[in-house]
């Protein structure tokens, strides 16, 4: 049944519900050519329904009109008839209107529900639930390209951390730390030059206080570096 340009009748008084507010048909996906639309009657009385469409030659309905028992639902199958890939049949939107009437007063319109039907040329490879349907599909492709570019970008901080973990650098720092520790365990030259001391370690291995302070400082820095790694 076709949907007139101007509908007359009483204003909608009661809310009614359908399983979906929009149906999307993909011309390259035959499985989308037939879709189930469920109509609900949440009230305690029987209602009659009638399905209208702005493009009756493009769609067919298994049950275009009928009755819904109190607090029940019915299913109607919406089929896409025109599956041609012509330019006039791609990326277009039509509207289905379901009208509800009181069975006791079949002429009184007590509610209505509008459902949009979109015909797209192809089905996207990936579809995010947060994205709204896009007729041209351009935005979704751009978002996919942006995601790929972001994923392949190299993080310079990560590269720097990898360079500092070079085995050669680790070996050099380890040797330097060992030398500093060796300096700290060597005997210290007395501050008083006139004082005498006896030791089995040769005199050239005796370290000054300043040398040990420097070695201790370097060893502390190396410890902090290894802890952060």
Protein backbone atom coordinates (compact mmCIF):
# COMPACT_ATOMS: atom_id res chain seq x y z
CA UNK A 1 0.00 0.00 0.00
CA UNK A 2 1.30 3.44 -0.85
CA UNK A 3 1.70 6.19 1.71
CA UNK A 4 -0.26 9.31 0.65
CA UNK A 5 1.54 12.62 0.54
CA UNK A 6 -0.86 14.09 3.09
CA UNK A 7 -2.36 11.79 5.73
CA UNK A 8 -5.63 12.75 7.36
CA UNK A 9 -7.02 11.47 10.62
CA UNK A 10 -6.69 11.91 14.34
CA UNK A 11 -3.35 12.75 15.90
CA UNK A 12 -1.35 9.96 17.46
CA UNK A 13 -2.51 9.37 21.03
CA UNK A 14 -0.74 6.20 22.17
CA UNK A 15 2.89 5.13 21.74
CA UNK A 16 3.55 1.92 19.83
CA UNK A 17 6.81 0.06 19.33
CA UNK A 18 8.62 -1.87 16.58
CA UNK A 19 11.68 -4.08 16.67
CA UNK A 20 13.68 -1.51 14.71
CA UNK A 21 13.44 2.13 13.70
CA UNK A 22 15.45 1.60 10.52
CA UNK A 23 16.09 -1.16 8.00
CA UNK A 24 19.19 -1.23 5.80
CA UNK A 25 19.35 -3.20 2.55
CA UNK A 26 22.67 -3.86 0.78
CA UNK A 27 22.57 -4.49 -2.95
CA UNK A 28 25.68 -6.71 -2.81
CA UNK A 29 24.29 -8.83 0.05
CA UNK A 30 21.23 -10.92 -0.94
CA UNK A 31 20.75 -12.04 2.68
CA UNK A 32 19.64 -8.49 3.52
CA UNK A 33 16.86 -8.44 0.93
CA UNK A 34 14.33 -9.93 3.43
CA UNK A 35 14.10 -8.60 6.97
CA UNK A 36 11.69 -9.24 9.83
CA UNK A 37 9.87 -6.33 11.41
CA UNK A 38 8.10 -7.05 14.71
CA UNK A 39 5.11 -4.95 15.79
CA UNK A 40 4.18 -4.81 19.49
CA UNK A 41 0.88 -4.15 21.22
CA UNK A 42 1.56 -3.37 24.91
CA UNK A 43 -2.08 -2.62 25.72
CA UNK A 44 -4.96 -4.66 27.15
CA UNK A 45 -7.10 -4.48 24.02
CA UNK A 46 -6.85 -5.72 20.45
CA UNK A 47 -5.55 -3.30 17.84
CA UNK A 48 -5.53 -3.36 14.07
CA UNK A 49 -2.50 -2.28 12.08
CA UNK A 50 -1.84 -1.24 8.48
CA UNK A 51 1.57 -0.91 6.79
CA UNK A 52 2.10 1.92 4.29
CA UNK A 53 5.18 2.80 2.25
CA UNK A 54 6.43 5.76 0.21
CA UNK A 55 7.82 3.36 -2.46
CA UNK A 56 5.33 0.48 -2.76
CA UNK A 57 6.93 -0.83 -5.98
CA UNK A 58 10.28 -1.39 -4.27
CA UNK A 59 9.04 -3.30 -1.19
CA UNK A 60 6.56 -6.01 -0.32
CA UNK A 61 5.12 -7.00 3.05
CA UNK A 62 4.11 -10.50 4.11
CA UNK A 63 1.32 -9.18 6.35
CA UNK A 64 0.55 -5.58 5.31
CA UNK A 65 -2.43 -5.44 7.69
CA UNK A 66 -3.97 -7.46 10.46
CA UNK A 67 -4.70 -7.60 14.19
CA UNK A 68 -2.46 -7.79 17.24
CA UNK A 69 -3.87 -9.35 20.39
CA UNK A 70 -3.57 -7.62 23.72
CA UNK A 71 0.02 -7.62 25.01
CA UNK A 72 1.23 -9.61 22.01
CA UNK A 73 3.28 -9.01 18.88
CA UNK A 74 3.26 -10.00 15.22
CA UNK A 75 6.02 -10.37 12.66
CA UNK A 76 5.88 -9.04 9.13
CA UNK A 77 8.58 -9.70 6.55
CA UNK A 78 9.80 -6.69 4.57
CA UNK A 79 11.26 -7.70 1.19
CA UNK A 80 13.23 -5.53 -1.20
CA UNK A 81 11.79 -6.08 -4.68
CA UNK A 82 13.98 -3.79 -6.76
CA UNK A 83 17.52 -5.15 -6.33
CA UNK A 84 18.98 -3.56 -9.46
CA UNK A 85 22.28 -1.70 -9.18
CA UNK A 86 21.07 1.31 -11.15
CA UNK A 87 22.11 4.74 -9.93
CA UNK A 88 18.51 5.59 -9.00
CA UNK A 89 18.38 2.58 -6.68
CA UNK A 90 21.59 3.23 -4.77
CA UNK A 91 22.00 5.24 -1.59
CA UNK A 92 18.34 6.15 -1.27
CA UNK A 93 16.04 6.31 1.75
CA UNK A 94 12.33 5.49 1.89
CA UNK A 95 9.85 5.45 4.73
CA UNK A 96 7.45 2.86 6.11
CA UNK A 97 4.57 3.96 8.31
CA UNK A 98 2.66 1.53 10.52
CA UNK A 99 -0.75 2.83 11.56
CA UNK A 100 -2.64 1.41 14.56
CA UNK A 101 -6.40 1.44 15.03
CA UNK A 102 -8.79 0.36 17.75
CA UNK A 103 -10.57 -2.77 16.53
CA UNK A 104 -13.86 -1.50 17.91
CA UNK A 105 -13.48 1.74 15.96
CA UNK A 106 -11.53 0.81 12.85
CA UNK A 107 -11.53 4.37 11.52
CA UNK A 108 -9.96 5.96 14.59
CA UNK A 109 -6.19 6.26 14.36
CA UNK A 110 -4.78 5.69 17.85
CA UNK A 111 -1.06 5.51 17.04
CA UNK A 112 1.59 5.29 14.34
CA UNK A 113 5.22 4.35 13.92
CA UNK A 114 7.68 5.40 11.16
CA UNK A 115 10.57 3.21 10.00
CA UNK A 116 13.23 4.32 7.53
CA UNK A 117 14.43 1.96 4.78
CA UNK A 118 17.89 2.67 3.34
CA UNK A 119 19.25 1.01 0.20
CA UNK A 120 23.05 1.03 0.09
CA UNK A 121 25.24 -0.06 -2.79
CA UNK A 122 27.57 -2.23 -0.70
CA UNK A 123 27.94 -3.64 2.80
CA UNK A 124 30.85 -2.24 4.82
CA UNK A 125 33.59 -4.64 5.86
CA UNK A 126 33.43 -3.39 9.44
CA UNK A 127 30.59 -1.62 11.18
CA UNK A 128 30.94 0.10 14.56
CA UNK A 129 27.83 0.15 16.72
CA UNK A 130 28.63 3.72 17.78
CA UNK A 131 28.53 4.96 14.17
CA UNK A 132 25.30 6.17 12.63
CA UNK A 133 24.31 4.71 9.23
CA UNK A 134 26.11 6.57 6.45
CA UNK A 135 24.47 6.57 3.03
CA UNK A 136 27.65 7.28 1.04
CA UNK A 137 29.98 5.25 3.23
CA UNK A 138 32.76 7.84 2.71
CA UNK A 139 33.04 8.80 6.36
CA UNK A 140 33.44 5.20 7.48
CA UNK A 141 36.24 4.57 4.99
CA UNK A 142 38.03 7.74 6.11
CA UNK A 143 37.79 6.66 9.73
CA UNK A 144 39.26 3.27 8.85
CA UNK A 145 42.21 4.89 7.08
CA UNK A 146 42.81 7.22 10.04
CA UNK A 147 42.84 4.25 12.41
CA UNK A 148 45.38 2.41 10.25
CA UNK A 149 47.67 5.46 10.08
CA UNK A 150 47.57 5.95 13.84
CA UNK A 151 48.38 2.31 14.48
CA UNK A 152 51.45 2.28 12.24
CA UNK A 153 52.96 5.50 13.67
CA UNK A 154 56.16 4.85 15.63
CA UNK A 155 56.41 6.25 19.13
CA UNK A 156 59.77 8.11 19.50
CA UNK A 157 59.80 7.52 23.27
CA UNK A 158 59.66 3.76 22.69
CA UNK A 159 62.54 3.96 20.20
CA UNK A 160 64.65 5.88 22.72
CA UNK A 161 64.01 3.29 25.41
CA UNK A 162 64.98 0.50 23.03
CA UNK A 163 68.24 2.27 22.14
CA UNK A 164 69.22 2.62 25.81
CA UNK A 165 68.77 -1.13 26.17
CA UNK A 166 71.57 -1.84 23.69
CA UNK A 167 73.70 -4.74 25.07
CA UNK A 168 76.91 -2.78 24.43
CA UNK A 169 75.64 0.13 26.54
CA UNK A 170 74.63 -2.27 29.32
CA UNK A 171 78.10 -3.89 29.33
CA UNK A 172 79.85 -0.49 29.50
CA UNK A 173 77.67 0.68 32.38
CA UNK A 174 78.22 -2.59 34.22
CA UNK A 175 82.01 -2.32 33.88
CA UNK A 176 81.93 1.30 35.04
CA UNK A 177 79.85 0.33 38.06
CA UNK A 178 82.28 -2.48 38.94
CA UNK A 179 85.25 -0.09 38.74
CA UNK A 180 83.52 2.38 41.05
CA UNK A 181 82.75 -0.37 43.54
CA UNK A 182 86.40 -1.54 43.38
CA UNK A 183 87.59 1.99 44.11
CA UNK A 184 85.37 2.16 47.18
CA UNK A 185 86.83 -1.01 48.71
CA UNK A 186 90.45 0.09 48.26
CA UNK A 187 92.30 1.67 51.23
CA UNK A 188 92.09 5.40 51.71
CA UNK A 189 95.18 7.59 51.86
CA UNK A 190 95.27 9.34 55.26
CA UNK A 191 94.58 13.05 55.18
CA UNK A 192 97.71 13.67 57.29
CA UNK A 193 100.71 13.19 55.01
CA UNK A 194 103.03 12.68 58.00
CA UNK A 195 101.02 9.74 59.33
CA UNK A 196 102.30 6.28 58.51
CA UNK A 197 100.25 3.21 57.71
CA UNK A 198 101.09 -0.37 56.92
CA UNK A 199 99.19 -2.52 54.44
CA UNK A 200 99.92 -5.34 52.04
CA UNK A 201 98.24 -3.45 49.19
CA UNK A 202 100.67 -1.45 47.01
CA UNK A 203 100.70 2.28 47.59
CA UNK A 204 99.50 3.07 44.06
CA UNK A 205 96.21 1.31 44.87
CA UNK A 206 95.45 3.64 47.75
CA UNK A 207 92.66 6.08 46.87
CA UNK A 208 92.12 9.62 48.08
CA UNK A 209 88.92 10.67 49.80
CA UNK A 210 87.90 12.78 46.80
CA UNK A 211 88.34 9.81 44.47
CA UNK A 212 86.06 7.68 46.62
CA UNK A 213 83.46 10.47 46.79
CA UNK A 214 83.41 10.69 42.98
CA UNK A 215 83.22 6.90 42.63
CA UNK A 216 80.36 6.76 45.12
CA UNK A 217 78.46 9.47 43.23
CA UNK A 218 78.86 7.69 39.88
CA UNK A 219 77.85 4.35 41.41
CA UNK A 220 74.71 5.97 42.82
CA UNK A 221 73.75 7.36 39.40
CA UNK A 222 74.26 3.96 37.76
CA UNK A 223 72.08 2.33 40.42
CA UNK A 224 69.24 4.78 39.70
CA UNK A 225 69.54 4.12 35.96
CA UNK A 226 69.33 0.33 36.38
CA UNK A 227 66.38 0.60 38.80
CA UNK A 228 64.38 2.73 36.29
CA UNK A 229 65.11 0.26 33.50
